[in-house]
């Protein structure tokens, strides 16, 4: 964990056993695009690529939110608590309607939790070598968390997507 003013950088190793499986994605609020050569809407794809999942995002469409339904990794569920733990030593508020001492449990009728926050990702070695993030049976990425923006933790049902991202870039 590297701390700088306004941003925390966290390097994560994500263990997996996938070998290039197709990622099942759903796109919300699709519309025709003005710029078919733009690749900004797929800014989160390197995470999927590095963890052995192959995303297929059409260049002819824009969307508001992309949701990954499958395949899910055990590491996907542990990323949000790891990122939120970096907020403990900063003055960043974590807004949650749930009791912090209540144990999360994926079985019915309990809800799971989802963290909504602003992050950036980058390769763990250099600024643009995404191919070095994909190591056999693991992925290595740097998550950059903005410490002055609050994180919101909300309850979700068991059939919620594994993860999602917006197509907008900062």
N, C-alpha and C. Protein backbone atom coordinates (compact mmCIF):
# COMPACT_ATOMS: atom_id res chain seq x y z
N UNK A 1 0.85 -1.18 0.00
CA UNK A 1 0.00 0.00 0.00
C UNK A 1 0.89 1.24 0.00
N UNK A 2 0.70 2.09 -0.99
CA UNK A 2 1.41 3.36 -1.05
C UNK A 2 0.40 4.47 -0.82
N UNK A 3 0.70 5.33 0.12
CA UNK A 3 -0.20 6.44 0.44
C UNK A 3 0.39 7.74 -0.09
N UNK A 4 -0.43 8.48 -0.82
CA UNK A 4 -0.08 9.82 -1.27
C UNK A 4 -1.24 10.73 -0.92
N UNK A 5 -1.04 12.01 -1.03
CA UNK A 5 -2.11 12.95 -0.71
C UNK A 5 -3.25 12.74 -1.69
N UNK A 6 -4.41 12.36 -1.18
CA UNK A 6 -5.60 12.20 -2.00
C UNK A 6 -5.76 10.88 -2.69
N UNK A 7 -4.75 10.01 -2.64
CA UNK A 7 -4.87 8.73 -3.35
C UNK A 7 -4.06 7.65 -2.63
N UNK A 8 -4.64 6.47 -2.56
CA UNK A 8 -3.95 5.28 -2.05
C UNK A 8 -3.77 4.32 -3.22
N UNK A 9 -2.59 3.75 -3.36
CA UNK A 9 -2.33 2.76 -4.41
C UNK A 9 -2.11 1.42 -3.74
N UNK A 10 -2.88 0.44 -4.15
CA UNK A 10 -2.87 -0.88 -3.54
C UNK A 10 -2.57 -1.92 -4.62
N UNK A 11 -1.50 -2.69 -4.45
CA UNK A 11 -1.15 -3.74 -5.40
C UNK A 11 -1.75 -5.05 -4.91
N UNK A 12 -2.53 -5.71 -5.78
CA UNK A 12 -3.21 -6.95 -5.41
C UNK A 12 -2.76 -8.10 -6.30
N UNK A 13 -2.61 -9.27 -5.70
CA UNK A 13 -2.39 -10.51 -6.44
C UNK A 13 -3.68 -11.30 -6.35
N UNK A 14 -4.24 -11.61 -7.51
CA UNK A 14 -5.53 -12.29 -7.58
C UNK A 14 -5.29 -13.70 -8.11
N UNK A 15 -5.50 -14.70 -7.27
CA UNK A 15 -5.32 -16.09 -7.66
C UNK A 15 -6.55 -16.59 -8.42
N UNK A 16 -6.32 -17.36 -9.49
CA UNK A 16 -7.43 -17.93 -10.26
C UNK A 16 -6.94 -19.17 -10.99
N UNK A 17 -7.89 -19.95 -11.52
CA UNK A 17 -7.55 -21.15 -12.29
C UNK A 17 -8.27 -21.13 -13.63
N UNK A 18 -8.53 -19.95 -14.16
CA UNK A 18 -9.23 -19.82 -15.44
C UNK A 18 -8.22 -19.79 -16.58
N UNK A 19 -8.63 -20.30 -17.72
CA UNK A 19 -7.78 -20.29 -18.91
C UNK A 19 -8.53 -19.64 -20.06
N UNK A 20 -8.71 -18.35 -20.02
CA UNK A 20 -9.33 -17.63 -21.12
C UNK A 20 -10.80 -17.93 -21.33
N UNK A 21 -11.57 -18.03 -20.27
CA UNK A 21 -13.01 -18.27 -20.40
C UNK A 21 -13.71 -16.99 -20.82
N UNK A 22 -14.79 -17.14 -21.59
CA UNK A 22 -15.56 -15.98 -22.03
C UNK A 22 -16.31 -15.38 -20.85
N UNK A 23 -16.25 -14.07 -20.74
CA UNK A 23 -16.96 -13.36 -19.67
C UNK A 23 -18.39 -13.08 -20.14
N UNK A 24 -19.36 -13.42 -19.32
CA UNK A 24 -20.76 -13.14 -19.63
C UNK A 24 -21.09 -11.74 -19.12
N UNK A 25 -21.24 -10.81 -20.06
CA UNK A 25 -21.48 -9.40 -19.73
C UNK A 25 -22.87 -8.97 -20.15
N UNK A 26 -23.47 -8.08 -19.37
CA UNK A 26 -24.74 -7.43 -19.71
C UNK A 26 -24.47 -5.94 -19.72
N UNK A 27 -25.00 -5.26 -20.75
CA UNK A 27 -24.81 -3.82 -20.88
C UNK A 27 -26.14 -3.12 -20.67
N UNK A 28 -26.17 -2.15 -19.77
CA UNK A 28 -27.39 -1.40 -19.48
C UNK A 28 -27.38 -0.08 -20.25
N UNK A 29 -28.55 0.32 -20.72
CA UNK A 29 -28.74 1.60 -21.42
C UNK A 29 -27.84 1.70 -22.65
N UNK A 30 -27.97 0.71 -23.55
CA UNK A 30 -27.17 0.73 -24.77
C UNK A 30 -27.71 1.76 -25.75
N UNK A 31 -26.80 2.35 -26.51
CA UNK A 31 -27.16 3.33 -27.54
C UNK A 31 -26.06 3.33 -28.59
N UNK A 32 -26.35 3.79 -29.81
CA UNK A 32 -25.30 3.86 -30.84
C UNK A 32 -24.22 4.85 -30.42
N UNK A 33 -23.00 4.57 -30.78
CA UNK A 33 -21.88 5.42 -30.40
C UNK A 33 -21.54 6.43 -31.50
N UNK A 34 -20.96 7.53 -31.11
CA UNK A 34 -20.48 8.53 -32.07
C UNK A 34 -19.06 8.23 -32.52
N UNK A 35 -18.29 7.57 -31.68
CA UNK A 35 -16.89 7.30 -31.97
C UNK A 35 -16.64 5.80 -31.86
N UNK A 36 -16.61 5.11 -33.00
CA UNK A 36 -16.44 3.65 -33.00
C UNK A 36 -15.01 3.21 -32.72
N UNK A 37 -14.07 4.13 -32.74
CA UNK A 37 -12.67 3.76 -32.46
C UNK A 37 -12.29 3.96 -31.00
N UNK A 38 -13.19 4.52 -30.20
CA UNK A 38 -12.89 4.77 -28.79
C UNK A 38 -12.87 3.46 -28.01
N UNK A 39 -11.90 3.33 -27.13
CA UNK A 39 -11.82 2.14 -26.28
C UNK A 39 -11.94 2.51 -24.81
N UNK A 40 -12.32 3.76 -24.50
CA UNK A 40 -12.40 4.21 -23.11
C UNK A 40 -13.47 3.47 -22.32
N UNK A 41 -14.55 3.04 -22.98
CA UNK A 41 -15.62 2.36 -22.24
C UNK A 41 -15.20 1.01 -21.68
N UNK A 42 -14.12 0.46 -22.19
CA UNK A 42 -13.62 -0.82 -21.70
C UNK A 42 -12.46 -0.66 -20.73
N UNK A 43 -12.44 0.42 -19.96
CA UNK A 43 -11.30 0.71 -19.07
C UNK A 43 -11.10 -0.37 -18.01
N UNK A 44 -12.14 -1.13 -17.67
CA UNK A 44 -12.01 -2.15 -16.64
C UNK A 44 -11.65 -3.51 -17.23
N UNK A 45 -11.60 -3.63 -18.56
CA UNK A 45 -11.29 -4.90 -19.20
C UNK A 45 -9.95 -5.51 -18.79
N UNK A 46 -8.91 -4.72 -18.54
CA UNK A 46 -7.64 -5.35 -18.13
C UNK A 46 -7.77 -6.21 -16.88
N UNK A 47 -8.67 -5.86 -15.96
CA UNK A 47 -8.88 -6.70 -14.78
C UNK A 47 -9.42 -8.06 -15.21
N UNK A 48 -10.40 -8.06 -16.11
CA UNK A 48 -10.96 -9.32 -16.59
C UNK A 48 -9.92 -10.11 -17.37
N UNK A 49 -9.18 -9.43 -18.24
CA UNK A 49 -8.14 -10.08 -19.03
C UNK A 49 -7.07 -10.70 -18.14
N UNK A 50 -6.60 -9.96 -17.16
CA UNK A 50 -5.54 -10.44 -16.29
C UNK A 50 -5.99 -11.61 -15.44
N UNK A 51 -7.27 -11.68 -15.12
CA UNK A 51 -7.78 -12.77 -14.28
C UNK A 51 -8.34 -13.92 -15.11
N UNK A 52 -7.98 -14.01 -16.39
CA UNK A 52 -8.32 -15.18 -17.20
C UNK A 52 -9.70 -15.16 -17.81
N UNK A 53 -10.36 -14.03 -17.86
CA UNK A 53 -11.69 -13.93 -18.46
C UNK A 53 -11.60 -13.05 -19.71
N UNK A 54 -12.29 -13.44 -20.77
CA UNK A 54 -12.22 -12.72 -22.03
C UNK A 54 -13.50 -11.92 -22.24
N UNK A 55 -13.44 -10.59 -22.12
CA UNK A 55 -14.64 -9.77 -22.34
C UNK A 55 -14.83 -9.48 -23.83
N UNK A 56 -16.08 -9.34 -24.24
CA UNK A 56 -16.42 -8.98 -25.61
C UNK A 56 -17.33 -7.77 -25.56
N UNK A 57 -16.76 -6.59 -25.82
CA UNK A 57 -17.52 -5.34 -25.76
C UNK A 57 -17.64 -4.79 -27.17
N UNK A 58 -18.88 -4.59 -27.68
CA UNK A 58 -19.03 -4.07 -29.04
C UNK A 58 -18.61 -2.61 -29.14
N UNK A 59 -17.85 -2.28 -30.18
CA UNK A 59 -17.42 -0.90 -30.38
C UNK A 59 -18.52 -0.03 -30.97
N UNK A 60 -19.55 -0.64 -31.54
CA UNK A 60 -20.61 0.14 -32.19
C UNK A 60 -21.64 0.67 -31.20
N UNK A 61 -21.56 0.25 -29.95
CA UNK A 61 -22.54 0.67 -28.94
C UNK A 61 -21.84 1.33 -27.76
N UNK A 62 -22.52 2.31 -27.19
CA UNK A 62 -22.13 2.88 -25.90
C UNK A 62 -23.08 2.32 -24.86
N UNK A 63 -22.69 2.34 -23.60
CA UNK A 63 -23.53 1.83 -22.53
C UNK A 63 -23.27 2.64 -21.28
N UNK A 64 -24.20 2.54 -20.33
CA UNK A 64 -24.02 3.24 -19.06
C UNK A 64 -23.24 2.38 -18.07
N UNK A 65 -23.66 1.12 -17.93
CA UNK A 65 -23.03 0.22 -16.97
C UNK A 65 -22.87 -1.15 -17.60
N UNK A 66 -21.71 -1.77 -17.37
CA UNK A 66 -21.47 -3.15 -17.77
C UNK A 66 -21.46 -4.00 -16.50
N UNK A 67 -22.11 -5.16 -16.58
CA UNK A 67 -22.18 -6.06 -15.43
C UNK A 67 -21.61 -7.42 -15.83
N UNK A 68 -20.75 -7.97 -14.99
CA UNK A 68 -20.21 -9.31 -15.19
C UNK A 68 -21.06 -10.30 -14.41
N UNK A 69 -21.65 -11.27 -15.12
CA UNK A 69 -22.47 -12.28 -14.46
C UNK A 69 -21.66 -13.53 -14.12
N UNK A 70 -20.79 -13.95 -15.02
CA UNK A 70 -19.98 -15.13 -14.77
C UNK A 70 -18.79 -15.11 -15.71
N UNK A 71 -17.74 -15.84 -15.50
CA UNK A 71 -17.45 -16.61 -14.30
C UNK A 71 -16.94 -15.72 -13.17
N UNK A 72 -17.31 -16.06 -11.98
CA UNK A 72 -16.86 -15.31 -10.81
C UNK A 72 -15.70 -16.01 -10.13
N UNK A 73 -14.86 -15.24 -9.51
CA UNK A 73 -13.73 -15.77 -8.76
C UNK A 73 -13.93 -15.50 -7.28
N UNK A 74 -13.31 -16.30 -6.43
CA UNK A 74 -13.36 -16.03 -4.99
C UNK A 74 -12.68 -14.70 -4.69
N UNK A 75 -11.68 -14.34 -5.48
CA UNK A 75 -10.98 -13.07 -5.27
C UNK A 75 -11.86 -11.87 -5.56
N UNK A 76 -12.85 -12.01 -6.44
CA UNK A 76 -13.75 -10.89 -6.73
C UNK A 76 -14.47 -10.41 -5.48
N UNK A 77 -14.85 -11.35 -4.62
CA UNK A 77 -15.56 -10.99 -3.39
C UNK A 77 -14.65 -10.39 -2.34
N UNK A 78 -13.36 -10.65 -2.43
CA UNK A 78 -12.45 -10.13 -1.41
C UNK A 78 -11.81 -8.80 -1.78
N UNK A 79 -12.00 -8.35 -3.02
CA UNK A 79 -11.38 -7.08 -3.44
C UNK A 79 -12.01 -5.90 -2.72
N UNK A 80 -13.34 -5.84 -2.66
CA UNK A 80 -14.00 -4.70 -2.02
C UNK A 80 -13.62 -4.56 -0.54
N UNK A 81 -13.66 -5.62 0.29
CA UNK A 81 -13.22 -5.44 1.68
C UNK A 81 -11.76 -5.03 1.80
N UNK A 82 -10.91 -5.51 0.89
CA UNK A 82 -9.50 -5.12 0.92
C UNK A 82 -9.34 -3.65 0.61
N UNK A 83 -10.06 -3.18 -0.41
CA UNK A 83 -9.99 -1.76 -0.77
C UNK A 83 -10.57 -0.90 0.35
N UNK A 84 -11.71 -1.32 0.92
CA UNK A 84 -12.33 -0.54 1.99
C UNK A 84 -11.45 -0.50 3.24
N UNK A 85 -10.62 -1.52 3.46
CA UNK A 85 -9.74 -1.50 4.63
C UNK A 85 -8.66 -0.43 4.51
N UNK A 86 -8.36 0.02 3.29
CA UNK A 86 -7.39 1.11 3.13
C UNK A 86 -7.96 2.45 3.58
N UNK A 87 -9.28 2.54 3.71
CA UNK A 87 -9.93 3.77 4.14
C UNK A 87 -9.83 3.95 5.65
N UNK A 88 -9.44 2.91 6.39
CA UNK A 88 -9.47 2.95 7.85
C UNK A 88 -8.56 4.03 8.43
N UNK A 89 -7.42 4.27 7.82
CA UNK A 89 -6.47 5.24 8.36
C UNK A 89 -6.62 6.63 7.75
N UNK A 90 -7.58 6.80 6.88
CA UNK A 90 -7.82 8.12 6.28
C UNK A 90 -9.14 8.66 6.79
N UNK A 91 -9.46 9.85 6.43
CA UNK A 91 -10.71 10.48 6.87
C UNK A 91 -11.85 10.23 5.88
N UNK A 92 -11.74 9.21 5.05
CA UNK A 92 -12.75 8.92 4.05
C UNK A 92 -13.95 8.25 4.70
N UNK A 93 -15.15 8.79 4.49
CA UNK A 93 -16.33 8.16 5.07
C UNK A 93 -16.77 6.94 4.27
N UNK A 94 -17.24 5.93 4.97
CA UNK A 94 -17.86 4.76 4.35
C UNK A 94 -19.32 4.79 4.78
N UNK A 95 -20.20 4.95 3.81
CA UNK A 95 -21.63 5.08 4.09
C UNK A 95 -22.26 3.71 3.90
N UNK A 96 -22.89 3.18 4.95
CA UNK A 96 -23.50 1.86 4.89
C UNK A 96 -24.80 1.86 5.68
N UNK A 97 -25.91 1.39 5.06
CA UNK A 97 -27.16 1.29 5.80
C UNK A 97 -27.24 0.05 6.69
N UNK A 98 -26.24 -0.82 6.62
CA UNK A 98 -26.23 -2.06 7.39
C UNK A 98 -25.40 -1.91 8.65
N UNK A 99 -25.66 -2.75 9.61
CA UNK A 99 -24.88 -2.74 10.85
C UNK A 99 -23.48 -3.27 10.56
N UNK A 100 -22.44 -2.59 11.02
CA UNK A 100 -21.08 -3.05 10.72
C UNK A 100 -20.73 -4.37 11.39
N UNK A 101 -21.38 -4.71 12.50
CA UNK A 101 -21.05 -5.95 13.19
C UNK A 101 -21.85 -7.14 12.66
N UNK A 102 -22.83 -6.88 11.78
CA UNK A 102 -23.63 -7.96 11.22
C UNK A 102 -22.81 -8.73 10.20
N UNK A 103 -22.76 -10.05 10.33
CA UNK A 103 -21.98 -10.88 9.42
C UNK A 103 -22.71 -10.99 8.09
N UNK A 104 -21.97 -10.81 6.98
CA UNK A 104 -22.59 -11.00 5.67
C UNK A 104 -22.69 -12.48 5.39
N UNK A 105 -23.77 -12.88 4.78
CA UNK A 105 -24.01 -14.28 4.52
C UNK A 105 -24.76 -14.38 3.20
N UNK A 106 -24.28 -15.18 2.23
CA UNK A 106 -24.91 -15.21 0.93
C UNK A 106 -26.21 -16.00 0.85
N UNK A 107 -26.60 -16.73 1.91
CA UNK A 107 -27.79 -17.56 1.81
C UNK A 107 -29.06 -16.75 2.10
N UNK A 108 -30.19 -17.27 1.63
CA UNK A 108 -31.48 -16.61 1.80
C UNK A 108 -31.84 -16.58 3.27
N UNK A 109 -32.47 -15.56 3.81
CA UNK A 109 -32.91 -14.31 3.20
C UNK A 109 -31.93 -13.16 3.38
N UNK A 110 -30.72 -13.43 3.82
CA UNK A 110 -29.76 -12.36 4.04
C UNK A 110 -29.31 -11.76 2.71
N UNK A 111 -28.83 -10.53 2.81
CA UNK A 111 -28.31 -9.85 1.62
C UNK A 111 -26.79 -9.88 1.64
N UNK A 112 -26.23 -9.85 0.46
CA UNK A 112 -24.79 -9.62 0.35
C UNK A 112 -24.60 -8.12 0.23
N UNK A 113 -23.37 -7.69 0.24
CA UNK A 113 -23.09 -6.25 0.17
C UNK A 113 -22.28 -5.93 -1.08
N UNK A 114 -22.49 -4.72 -1.58
CA UNK A 114 -21.76 -4.24 -2.74
C UNK A 114 -21.18 -2.88 -2.40
N UNK A 115 -19.91 -2.67 -2.73
CA UNK A 115 -19.26 -1.38 -2.50
C UNK A 115 -19.28 -0.58 -3.80
N UNK A 116 -19.67 0.68 -3.70
CA UNK A 116 -19.67 1.59 -4.85
C UNK A 116 -18.64 2.67 -4.54
N UNK A 117 -17.59 2.72 -5.34
CA UNK A 117 -16.54 3.70 -5.11
C UNK A 117 -15.82 4.00 -6.42
N UNK A 118 -15.07 5.08 -6.41
CA UNK A 118 -14.32 5.52 -7.58
C UNK A 118 -12.90 4.98 -7.48
N UNK A 119 -12.50 4.13 -8.43
CA UNK A 119 -11.16 3.56 -8.45
C UNK A 119 -10.56 3.71 -9.84
N UNK A 120 -9.26 3.56 -9.90
CA UNK A 120 -8.54 3.47 -11.17
C UNK A 120 -7.65 2.24 -11.08
N UNK A 121 -7.33 1.64 -12.22
CA UNK A 121 -6.45 0.48 -12.21
C UNK A 121 -5.27 0.73 -13.15
N UNK A 122 -4.17 0.06 -12.84
CA UNK A 122 -2.99 0.15 -13.70
C UNK A 122 -2.19 -1.13 -13.55
N UNK A 123 -1.30 -1.42 -14.51
CA UNK A 123 -0.44 -2.60 -14.37
C UNK A 123 0.48 -2.43 -13.17
N UNK A 124 0.93 -3.54 -12.62
CA UNK A 124 1.72 -3.45 -11.39
C UNK A 124 3.17 -3.06 -11.64
N UNK A 125 3.69 -3.18 -12.85
CA UNK A 125 5.09 -2.84 -13.10
C UNK A 125 5.25 -1.50 -13.80
N UNK A 126 4.63 -1.35 -14.95
CA UNK A 126 4.81 -0.14 -15.75
C UNK A 126 3.47 0.53 -15.99
N UNK A 127 3.48 1.68 -16.61
CA UNK A 127 2.25 2.44 -16.80
C UNK A 127 1.36 1.87 -17.90
N UNK A 128 1.88 1.07 -18.83
CA UNK A 128 1.03 0.65 -19.94
C UNK A 128 1.25 -0.78 -20.40
N UNK A 129 1.96 -1.61 -19.70
CA UNK A 129 2.21 -2.99 -20.11
C UNK A 129 1.20 -3.93 -19.48
N UNK A 130 -0.02 -3.96 -20.03
CA UNK A 130 -1.08 -4.78 -19.45
C UNK A 130 -0.79 -6.26 -19.59
N UNK A 131 -0.01 -6.65 -20.60
CA UNK A 131 0.28 -8.07 -20.78
C UNK A 131 1.08 -8.65 -19.62
N UNK A 132 1.82 -7.82 -18.87
CA UNK A 132 2.58 -8.31 -17.73
C UNK A 132 1.71 -8.59 -16.52
N UNK A 133 0.46 -8.17 -16.54
CA UNK A 133 -0.46 -8.43 -15.42
C UNK A 133 -0.98 -9.86 -15.44
N UNK A 134 -0.96 -10.48 -16.61
CA UNK A 134 -1.53 -11.82 -16.75
C UNK A 134 -0.42 -12.84 -16.58
N UNK A 135 -0.32 -13.36 -15.40
CA UNK A 135 0.66 -14.37 -15.04
C UNK A 135 -0.11 -15.69 -14.89
N UNK A 136 0.47 -16.85 -15.23
CA UNK A 136 -0.28 -18.10 -15.08
C UNK A 136 -0.84 -18.26 -13.66
N UNK A 137 -2.12 -18.49 -13.57
CA UNK A 137 -2.87 -18.72 -12.33
C UNK A 137 -2.95 -17.54 -11.38
N UNK A 138 -2.57 -16.34 -11.83
CA UNK A 138 -2.75 -15.17 -11.00
C UNK A 138 -2.73 -13.91 -11.85
N UNK A 139 -3.23 -12.85 -11.27
CA UNK A 139 -3.19 -11.53 -11.90
C UNK A 139 -2.62 -10.56 -10.88
N UNK A 140 -1.85 -9.60 -11.37
CA UNK A 140 -1.30 -8.56 -10.48
C UNK A 140 -1.68 -7.21 -11.04
N UNK A 141 -2.40 -6.44 -10.23
CA UNK A 141 -2.88 -5.13 -10.64
C UNK A 141 -2.71 -4.14 -9.51
N UNK A 142 -2.62 -2.87 -9.87
CA UNK A 142 -2.62 -1.79 -8.88
C UNK A 142 -3.97 -1.10 -8.93
N UNK A 143 -4.62 -1.01 -7.80
CA UNK A 143 -5.86 -0.25 -7.68
C UNK A 143 -5.53 1.08 -7.03
N UNK A 144 -6.00 2.17 -7.61
CA UNK A 144 -5.78 3.51 -7.08
C UNK A 144 -7.11 4.01 -6.55
N UNK A 145 -7.16 4.30 -5.26
CA UNK A 145 -8.39 4.68 -4.56
C UNK A 145 -8.29 6.14 -4.16
N UNK A 146 -9.29 6.91 -4.54
CA UNK A 146 -9.31 8.32 -4.19
C UNK A 146 -9.84 8.46 -2.77
N UNK A 147 -9.04 9.03 -1.87
CA UNK A 147 -9.36 9.00 -0.45
C UNK A 147 -10.30 10.10 0.00
N UNK A 148 -10.60 11.07 -0.83
CA UNK A 148 -11.48 12.15 -0.42
C UNK A 148 -12.91 11.96 -0.93
N UNK A 149 -13.18 10.84 -1.59
CA UNK A 149 -14.52 10.54 -2.07
C UNK A 149 -15.09 9.40 -1.24
N UNK A 150 -16.33 9.52 -0.79
CA UNK A 150 -16.89 8.47 0.07
C UNK A 150 -17.16 7.19 -0.70
N UNK A 151 -17.14 6.09 0.01
CA UNK A 151 -17.54 4.79 -0.53
C UNK A 151 -18.92 4.49 0.02
N UNK A 152 -19.77 3.92 -0.80
CA UNK A 152 -21.13 3.57 -0.40
C UNK A 152 -21.25 2.05 -0.43
N UNK A 153 -21.69 1.46 0.66
CA UNK A 153 -21.91 0.02 0.74
C UNK A 153 -23.41 -0.22 0.82
N UNK A 154 -23.94 -0.98 -0.15
CA UNK A 154 -25.38 -1.21 -0.23
C UNK A 154 -25.66 -2.71 -0.23
N UNK A 155 -26.84 -3.11 0.26
CA UNK A 155 -27.20 -4.53 0.21
C UNK A 155 -27.63 -4.93 -1.19
N UNK A 156 -27.31 -6.14 -1.61
CA UNK A 156 -27.73 -6.68 -2.90
C UNK A 156 -28.24 -8.10 -2.70
N UNK A 157 -29.05 -8.54 -3.63
CA UNK A 157 -29.58 -9.90 -3.58
C UNK A 157 -28.54 -10.90 -4.08
N UNK A 158 -28.81 -12.16 -3.87
CA UNK A 158 -27.87 -13.20 -4.28
C UNK A 158 -27.68 -13.32 -5.77
N UNK A 159 -28.66 -12.87 -6.58
CA UNK A 159 -28.54 -12.97 -8.03
C UNK A 159 -27.92 -11.71 -8.65
N UNK A 160 -27.32 -10.87 -7.83
CA UNK A 160 -26.66 -9.65 -8.33
C UNK A 160 -25.42 -10.03 -9.13
N UNK A 161 -25.00 -9.16 -10.05
CA UNK A 161 -23.78 -9.46 -10.82
C UNK A 161 -22.54 -9.51 -9.94
N UNK A 162 -21.52 -10.19 -10.43
CA UNK A 162 -20.26 -10.33 -9.70
C UNK A 162 -19.62 -8.96 -9.51
N UNK A 163 -19.56 -8.18 -10.58
CA UNK A 163 -19.03 -6.82 -10.51
C UNK A 163 -19.59 -6.02 -11.66
N UNK A 164 -19.44 -4.71 -11.58
CA UNK A 164 -19.92 -3.83 -12.63
C UNK A 164 -19.07 -2.59 -12.70
N UNK A 165 -19.10 -1.92 -13.85
CA UNK A 165 -18.37 -0.67 -14.00
C UNK A 165 -19.09 0.24 -14.97
N UNK A 166 -18.88 1.53 -14.78
CA UNK A 166 -19.44 2.53 -15.67
C UNK A 166 -18.49 2.79 -16.82
N UNK A 167 -19.04 3.24 -17.93
CA UNK A 167 -18.21 3.46 -19.13
C UNK A 167 -17.51 4.80 -19.12
N UNK A 168 -17.78 5.63 -18.13
CA UNK A 168 -17.17 6.96 -18.09
C UNK A 168 -15.78 6.89 -17.48
N UNK A 169 -14.89 7.71 -17.99
CA UNK A 169 -13.55 7.78 -17.44
C UNK A 169 -13.32 9.17 -16.88
N UNK A 170 -12.44 9.24 -15.89
CA UNK A 170 -12.16 10.52 -15.25
C UNK A 170 -10.99 11.18 -15.93
